[in-house]
Amino acid sequence: MNLKLKLIALTGITLFSFSSLKAQTTTQTITQSHLKAAEQLLVSIGIDKQFGGMMDNIINSTSSQMPAEQRAKFIDVMKTFMSKYFTWDLLKDKMAAIYAEEFTEDELNQISVFYSSPIGQKVSSKLPALMQRGMMVGQNAVAEHKDELTQMMQDAFGSSNQAPANQPPAKKPASKSATKH
């Protein structure tokens, strides 16, 4: 598999790890105090302090799949990109809105009380490592069967080592109907 296809696959896996299915929620009015309660929950969990470390872990974990001679450059590019678009300060309002959509203000306050307790702090401190270990389980499951995945991709898209394009097939130019005999 060529480098371009590997980069596309790694980027896809990275993006997939951050994506989620759209949750089924009831429509509710979200007030400013509701959003503040959601942000407070995230702070009580420690997301604000762990955010950078989580991104470093994800980048380092993902980069382990890169060829050694390109790993440092990949890490530099990803860190530059993530520091520009994927920071706590830039995303906290959007993240708070997600929690506010899923939990009532009262539920958010109750969860914050839990995470402010000693056992909640322990859970919070263990979650990043647990998530990283869980991600490694998934990555290892894919890596153990990468030859089969590569073959499936080649069967599906041809053995040309080119990633599938998300473009419609090119239209054939109109042929000129006037032909000379």
C-alpha atoms as a PDB file:
ATOM      1  CA  MET A   1       0.000   0.000   0.000  1.00  0.00           C
ATOM      2  CA  ASN A   2       1.543   3.314  -0.998  1.00  0.00           C
ATOM      3  CA  LEU A   3       2.134   6.247   1.350  1.00  0.00           C
ATOM      4  CA  LYS A   4      -0.760   8.303  -0.007  1.00  0.00           C
ATOM      5  CA  LEU A   5      -3.235   5.516   0.722  1.00  0.00           C
ATOM      6  CA  LYS A   6      -1.722   5.016   4.192  1.00  0.00           C
ATOM      7  CA  LEU A   7      -2.082   8.726   4.972  1.00  0.00           C
ATOM      8  CA  ILE A   8      -5.678   8.715   3.781  1.00  0.00           C
ATOM      9  CA  ALA A   9      -6.415   5.634   5.876  1.00  0.00           C
ATOM     10  CA  LEU A  10      -4.747   7.116   8.979  1.00  0.00           C
ATOM     11  CA  THR A  11      -6.583  10.398   8.546  1.00  0.00           C
ATOM     12  CA  GLY A  12      -9.841   8.498   8.141  1.00  0.00           C
ATOM     13  CA  ILE A  13      -9.202   6.469  11.283  1.00  0.00           C
ATOM     14  CA  THR A  14      -8.328   9.636  13.197  1.00  0.00           C
ATOM     15  CA  LEU A  15     -11.457  11.420  12.048  1.00  0.00           C
ATOM     16  CA  PHE A  16     -13.554   8.319  12.721  1.00  0.00           C
ATOM     17  CA  SER A  17     -12.233   8.191  16.270  1.00  0.00           C
ATOM     18  CA  PHE A  18     -13.588  11.708  16.838  1.00  0.00           C
ATOM     19  CA  SER A  19     -16.914  11.191  15.110  1.00  0.00           C
ATOM     20  CA  SER A  20     -20.050   9.865  16.715  1.00  0.00           C
ATOM     21  CA  LEU A  21     -23.465   8.790  15.650  1.00  0.00           C
ATOM     22  CA  LYS A  22     -26.164  11.416  15.890  1.00  0.00           C
ATOM     23  CA  ALA A  23     -27.909  10.867  19.189  1.00  0.00           C
ATOM     24  CA  GLN A  24     -31.660  10.765  19.391  1.00  0.00           C
ATOM     25  CA  THR A  25     -32.644  13.650  21.587  1.00  0.00           C
ATOM     26  CA  THR A  26     -35.769  15.494  22.435  1.00  0.00           C
ATOM     27  CA  THR A  27     -35.973  19.125  21.465  1.00  0.00           C
ATOM     28  CA  GLN A  28     -35.356  21.372  24.431  1.00  0.00           C
ATOM     29  CA  THR A  29     -34.557  24.990  25.001  1.00  0.00           C
ATOM     30  CA  ILE A  30     -30.993  25.419  26.152  1.00  0.00           C
ATOM     31  CA  THR A  31     -30.440  28.398  28.387  1.00  0.00           C
ATOM     32  CA  GLN A  32     -27.199  30.165  29.189  1.00  0.00           C
ATOM     33  CA  SER A  33     -27.220  28.613  32.685  1.00  0.00           C
ATOM     34  CA  HIS A  34     -27.735  25.179  31.107  1.00  0.00           C
ATOM     35  CA  LEU A  35     -24.649  25.710  28.915  1.00  0.00           C
ATOM     36  CA  LYS A  36     -22.712  26.971  31.930  1.00  0.00           C
ATOM     37  CA  ALA A  37     -23.676  23.792  33.842  1.00  0.00           C
ATOM     38  CA  ALA A  38     -22.431  21.705  30.901  1.00  0.00           C
ATOM     39  CA  GLU A  39     -19.132  23.601  30.801  1.00  0.00           C
ATOM     40  CA  GLN A  40     -18.789  23.177  34.575  1.00  0.00           C
ATOM     41  CA  LEU A  41     -19.267  19.434  34.144  1.00  0.00           C
ATOM     42  CA  LEU A  42     -16.502  19.310  31.558  1.00  0.00           C
ATOM     43  CA  VAL A  43     -14.227  21.275  33.894  1.00  0.00           C
ATOM     44  CA  SER A  44     -15.102  19.007  36.850  1.00  0.00           C
ATOM     45  CA  ILE A  45     -14.210  16.000  34.686  1.00  0.00           C
ATOM     46  CA  GLY A  46     -10.916  17.745  33.963  1.00  0.00           C
ATOM     47  CA  ILE A  47     -11.329  17.854  30.203  1.00  0.00           C
ATOM     48  CA  ASP A  48      -9.999  21.408  30.119  1.00  0.00           C
ATOM     49  CA  LYS A  49      -6.703  20.280  31.659  1.00  0.00           C
ATOM     50  CA  GLN A  50      -6.489  16.935  29.851  1.00  0.00           C
ATOM     51  CA  PHE A  51      -7.425  18.187  26.387  1.00  0.00           C
ATOM     52  CA  GLY A  52      -3.892  18.775  25.127  1.00  0.00           C
ATOM     53  CA  GLY A  53      -2.638  15.495  26.555  1.00  0.00           C
ATOM     54  CA  MET A  54      -5.455  13.570  24.918  1.00  0.00           C
ATOM     55  CA  MET A  55      -4.606  15.117  21.557  1.00  0.00           C
ATOM     56  CA  ASP A  56      -0.920  14.279  22.014  1.00  0.00           C
ATOM     57  CA  ASN A  57      -1.833  10.685  22.853  1.00  0.00           C
ATOM     58  CA  ILE A  58      -4.053  10.366  19.800  1.00  0.00           C
ATOM     59  CA  ILE A  59      -1.437  11.909  17.502  1.00  0.00           C
ATOM     60  CA  ASN A  60       1.343   9.736  18.906  1.00  0.00           C
ATOM     61  CA  SER A  61      -0.796   6.628  18.719  1.00  0.00           C
ATOM     62  CA  THR A  62      -1.805   7.370  15.142  1.00  0.00           C
ATOM     63  CA  SER A  63       1.741   8.250  14.127  1.00  0.00           C
ATOM     64  CA  SER A  64       2.975   4.851  15.264  1.00  0.00           C
ATOM     65  CA  GLN A  65       1.433   3.496  12.053  1.00  0.00           C
ATOM     66  CA  MET A  66       3.560   5.847   9.927  1.00  0.00           C
ATOM     67  CA  PRO A  67       6.920   4.837   8.441  1.00  0.00           C
ATOM     68  CA  ALA A  68       9.653   5.793  10.920  1.00  0.00           C
ATOM     69  CA  GLU A  69      11.352   8.216   8.526  1.00  0.00           C
ATOM     70  CA  GLN A  70       8.127  10.224   8.155  1.00  0.00           C
ATOM     71  CA  ARG A  71       6.807   9.997  11.699  1.00  0.00           C
ATOM     72  CA  ALA A  72       8.358  13.201  13.073  1.00  0.00           C
ATOM     73  CA  LYS A  73       7.069  15.304  10.164  1.00  0.00           C
ATOM     74  CA  PHE A  74       3.596  13.734  10.522  1.00  0.00           C
ATOM     75  CA  ILE A  75       3.560  14.558  14.255  1.00  0.00           C
ATOM     76  CA  ASP A  76       4.677  18.153  13.568  1.00  0.00           C
ATOM     77  CA  VAL A  77       1.959  18.670  10.946  1.00  0.00           C
ATOM     78  CA  MET A  78      -0.758  17.146  13.130  1.00  0.00           C
ATOM     79  CA  LYS A  79       0.272  19.157  16.206  1.00  0.00           C
ATOM     80  CA  THR A  80       0.341  22.379  14.199  1.00  0.00           C
ATOM     81  CA  PHE A  81      -3.080  21.642  12.734  1.00  0.00           C
ATOM     82  CA  MET A  82      -4.609  20.523  16.034  1.00  0.00           C
ATOM     83  CA  SER A  83      -3.239  23.539  17.935  1.00  0.00           C
ATOM     84  CA  LYS A  84      -4.878  25.764  15.355  1.00  0.00           C
ATOM     85  CA  TYR A  85      -8.322  24.122  15.257  1.00  0.00           C
ATOM     86  CA  PHE A  86      -8.624  21.609  18.082  1.00  0.00           C
ATOM     87  CA  THR A  87      -8.050  23.299  21.439  1.00  0.00           C
ATOM     88  CA  TRP A  88     -10.134  23.484  24.591  1.00  0.00           C
ATOM     89  CA  ASP A  89     -10.658  27.229  24.224  1.00  0.00           C
ATOM     90  CA  LEU A  90     -11.888  26.848  20.654  1.00  0.00           C
ATOM     91  CA  LEU A  91     -14.150  23.841  21.232  1.00  0.00           C
ATOM     92  CA  LYS A  92     -15.458  24.146  24.798  1.00  0.00           C
ATOM     93  CA  ASP A  93     -18.664  25.959  23.803  1.00  0.00           C
ATOM     94  CA  LYS A  94     -19.489  23.351  21.174  1.00  0.00           C
ATOM     95  CA  MET A  95     -18.663  20.526  23.567  1.00  0.00           C
ATOM     96  CA  ALA A  96     -20.793  22.093  26.296  1.00  0.00           C
ATOM     97  CA  ALA A  97     -23.681  22.350  23.823  1.00  0.00           C
ATOM     98  CA  ILE A  98     -23.412  18.622  23.089  1.00  0.00           C
ATOM     99  CA  TYR A  99     -23.689  17.803  26.795  1.00  0.00           C
ATOM    100  CA  ALA A 100     -26.495  20.330  27.248  1.00  0.00           C
ATOM    101  CA  GLU A 101     -28.443  18.633  24.456  1.00  0.00           C
ATOM    102  CA  GLU A 102     -28.135  15.251  26.146  1.00  0.00           C
ATOM    103  CA  PHE A 103     -28.636  16.153  29.815  1.00  0.00           C
ATOM    104  CA  THR A 104     -30.929  18.487  31.676  1.00  0.00           C
ATOM    105  CA  GLU A 105     -29.345  21.274  33.669  1.00  0.00           C
ATOM    106  CA  ASP A 106     -30.173  19.406  36.889  1.00  0.00           C
ATOM    107  CA  GLU A 107     -28.560  16.202  35.571  1.00  0.00           C
ATOM    108  CA  LEU A 108     -25.440  18.121  34.582  1.00  0.00           C
ATOM    109  CA  ASN A 109     -25.219  19.580  38.085  1.00  0.00           C
ATOM    110  CA  GLN A 110     -25.595  16.124  39.642  1.00  0.00           C
ATOM    111  CA  ILE A 111     -22.921  14.637  37.385  1.00  0.00           C
ATOM    112  CA  SER A 112     -20.626  17.554  38.275  1.00  0.00           C
ATOM    113  CA  VAL A 113     -21.107  16.760  41.969  1.00  0.00           C
ATOM    114  CA  PHE A 114     -20.038  13.163  41.277  1.00  0.00           C
ATOM    115  CA  TYR A 115     -16.945  14.207  39.324  1.00  0.00           C
ATOM    116  CA  SER A 116     -16.023  16.663  42.055  1.00  0.00           C
ATOM    117  CA  SER A 117     -16.018  13.810  44.616  1.00  0.00           C
ATOM    118  CA  PRO A 118     -12.869  11.727  45.300  1.00  0.00           C
ATOM    119  CA  ILE A 119     -14.160   8.699  43.338  1.00  0.00           C
ATOM    120  CA  GLY A 120     -15.271  10.978  40.496  1.00  0.00           C
ATOM    121  CA  GLN A 121     -11.799  12.535  40.404  1.00  0.00           C
ATOM    122  CA  LYS A 122     -10.296   9.038  40.256  1.00  0.00           C
ATOM    123  CA  VAL A 123     -12.566   8.080  37.370  1.00  0.00           C
ATOM    124  CA  SER A 124     -11.683  11.328  35.630  1.00  0.00           C
ATOM    125  CA  SER A 125      -7.958  10.796  36.082  1.00  0.00           C
ATOM    126  CA  LYS A 126      -8.151   7.222  34.737  1.00  0.00           C
ATOM    127  CA  LEU A 127     -10.380   7.887  31.716  1.00  0.00           C
ATOM    128  CA  PRO A 128      -7.719   9.219  29.312  1.00  0.00           C
ATOM    129  CA  ALA A 129      -5.464   6.203  29.867  1.00  0.00           C
ATOM    130  CA  LEU A 130      -8.429   3.841  29.653  1.00  0.00           C
ATOM    131  CA  MET A 131      -9.585   5.462  26.426  1.00  0.00           C
ATOM    132  CA  GLN A 132      -6.083   5.273  24.970  1.00  0.00           C
ATOM    133  CA  ARG A 133      -5.781   1.617  25.913  1.00  0.00           C
ATOM    134  CA  GLY A 134      -9.196   0.972  24.389  1.00  0.00           C
ATOM    135  CA  MET A 135      -8.175   2.768  21.208  1.00  0.00           C
ATOM    136  CA  MET A 136      -5.044   0.631  21.041  1.00  0.00           C
ATOM    137  CA  VAL A 137      -7.201  -2.498  21.297  1.00  0.00           C
ATOM    138  CA  GLY A 138      -9.141  -1.290  18.254  1.00  0.00           C
ATOM    139  CA  GLN A 139      -6.025  -0.300  16.331  1.00  0.00           C
ATOM    140  CA  ASN A 140      -4.400  -3.643  17.100  1.00  0.00           C
ATOM    141  CA  ALA A 141      -7.503  -5.489  15.919  1.00  0.00           C
ATOM    142  CA  VAL A 142      -7.249  -3.656  12.579  1.00  0.00           C
ATOM    143  CA  ALA A 143      -3.454  -4.094  12.403  1.00  0.00           C
ATOM    144  CA  GLU A 144      -3.738  -7.854  12.986  1.00  0.00           C
ATOM    145  CA  HIS A 145      -5.895  -8.102   9.886  1.00  0.00           C
ATOM    146  CA  LYS A 146      -4.444  -5.279   7.781  1.00  0.00           C
ATOM    147  CA  ASP A 147      -3.450  -7.652   4.968  1.00  0.00           C
ATOM    148  CA  GLU A 148      -7.058  -8.767   4.659  1.00  0.00           C
ATOM    149  CA  LEU A 149      -8.246  -5.136   4.730  1.00  0.00           C
ATOM    150  CA  THR A 150      -5.668  -4.197   2.099  1.00  0.00           C
ATOM    151  CA  GLN A 151      -6.853  -7.047  -0.096  1.00  0.00           C
ATOM    152  CA  MET A 152     -10.493  -6.034   0.393  1.00  0.00           C
ATOM    153  CA  MET A 153      -9.642  -2.446  -0.593  1.00  0.00           C
ATOM    154  CA  GLN A 154      -7.717  -3.620  -3.634  1.00  0.00           C
ATOM    155  CA  ASP A 155     -10.603  -5.881  -4.647  1.00  0.00           C
ATOM    156  CA  ALA A 156     -13.085  -3.060  -4.201  1.00  0.00           C
ATOM    157  CA  PHE A 157     -11.069  -0.311  -5.870  1.00  0.00           C
ATOM    158  CA  GLY A 158      -8.706  -2.201  -8.102  1.00  0.00           C
ATOM    159  CA  SER A 159      -5.101  -3.006  -7.420  1.00  0.00           C
ATOM    160  CA  SER A 160      -3.835   0.380  -8.601  1.00  0.00           C
ATOM    161  CA  ASN A 161      -2.951   1.591  -5.076  1.00  0.00           C
ATOM    162  CA  GLN A 162      -5.068   4.676  -5.657  1.00  0.00           C
ATOM    163  CA  ALA A 163      -7.596   5.814  -3.116  1.00  0.00           C
ATOM    164  CA  PRO A 164     -11.169   6.004  -4.348  1.00  0.00           C
ATOM    165  CA  ALA A 165     -12.141   9.459  -5.553  1.00  0.00           C
ATOM    166  CA  ASN A 166     -15.269  11.170  -4.305  1.00  0.00           C
ATOM    167  CA  GLN A 167     -15.998  12.638  -7.698  1.00  0.00           C
ATOM    168  CA  PRO A 168     -18.608  11.666 -10.264  1.00  0.00           C
ATOM    169  CA  PRO A 169     -17.264   9.988 -13.393  1.00  0.00           C
ATOM    170  CA  ALA A 170     -16.009  12.424 -15.963  1.00  0.00           C
ATOM    171  CA  LYS A 171     -18.434  13.191 -18.766  1.00  0.00           C
ATOM    172  CA  LYS A 172     -17.326  12.160 -22.219  1.00  0.00           C
ATOM    173  CA  PRO A 173     -16.856  15.103 -24.541  1.00  0.00           C
ATOM    174  CA  ALA A 174     -19.624  15.458 -27.070  1.00  0.00           C
ATOM    175  CA  SER A 175     -18.596  13.890 -30.338  1.00  0.00           C
ATOM    176  CA  LYS A 176     -18.823  15.949 -33.446  1.00  0.00           C
ATOM    177  CA  SER A 177     -21.555  14.579 -35.618  1.00  0.00           C
ATOM    178  CA  ALA A 178     -20.138  15.947 -38.808  1.00  0.00           C
ATOM    179  CA  THR A 179     -17.879  13.321 -40.273  1.00  0.00           C
ATOM    180  CA  LYS A 180     -16.198  13.473 -43.632  1.00  0.00           C
ATOM    181  CA  HIS A 181     -16.459  10.535 -45.962  1.00  0.00           C
END
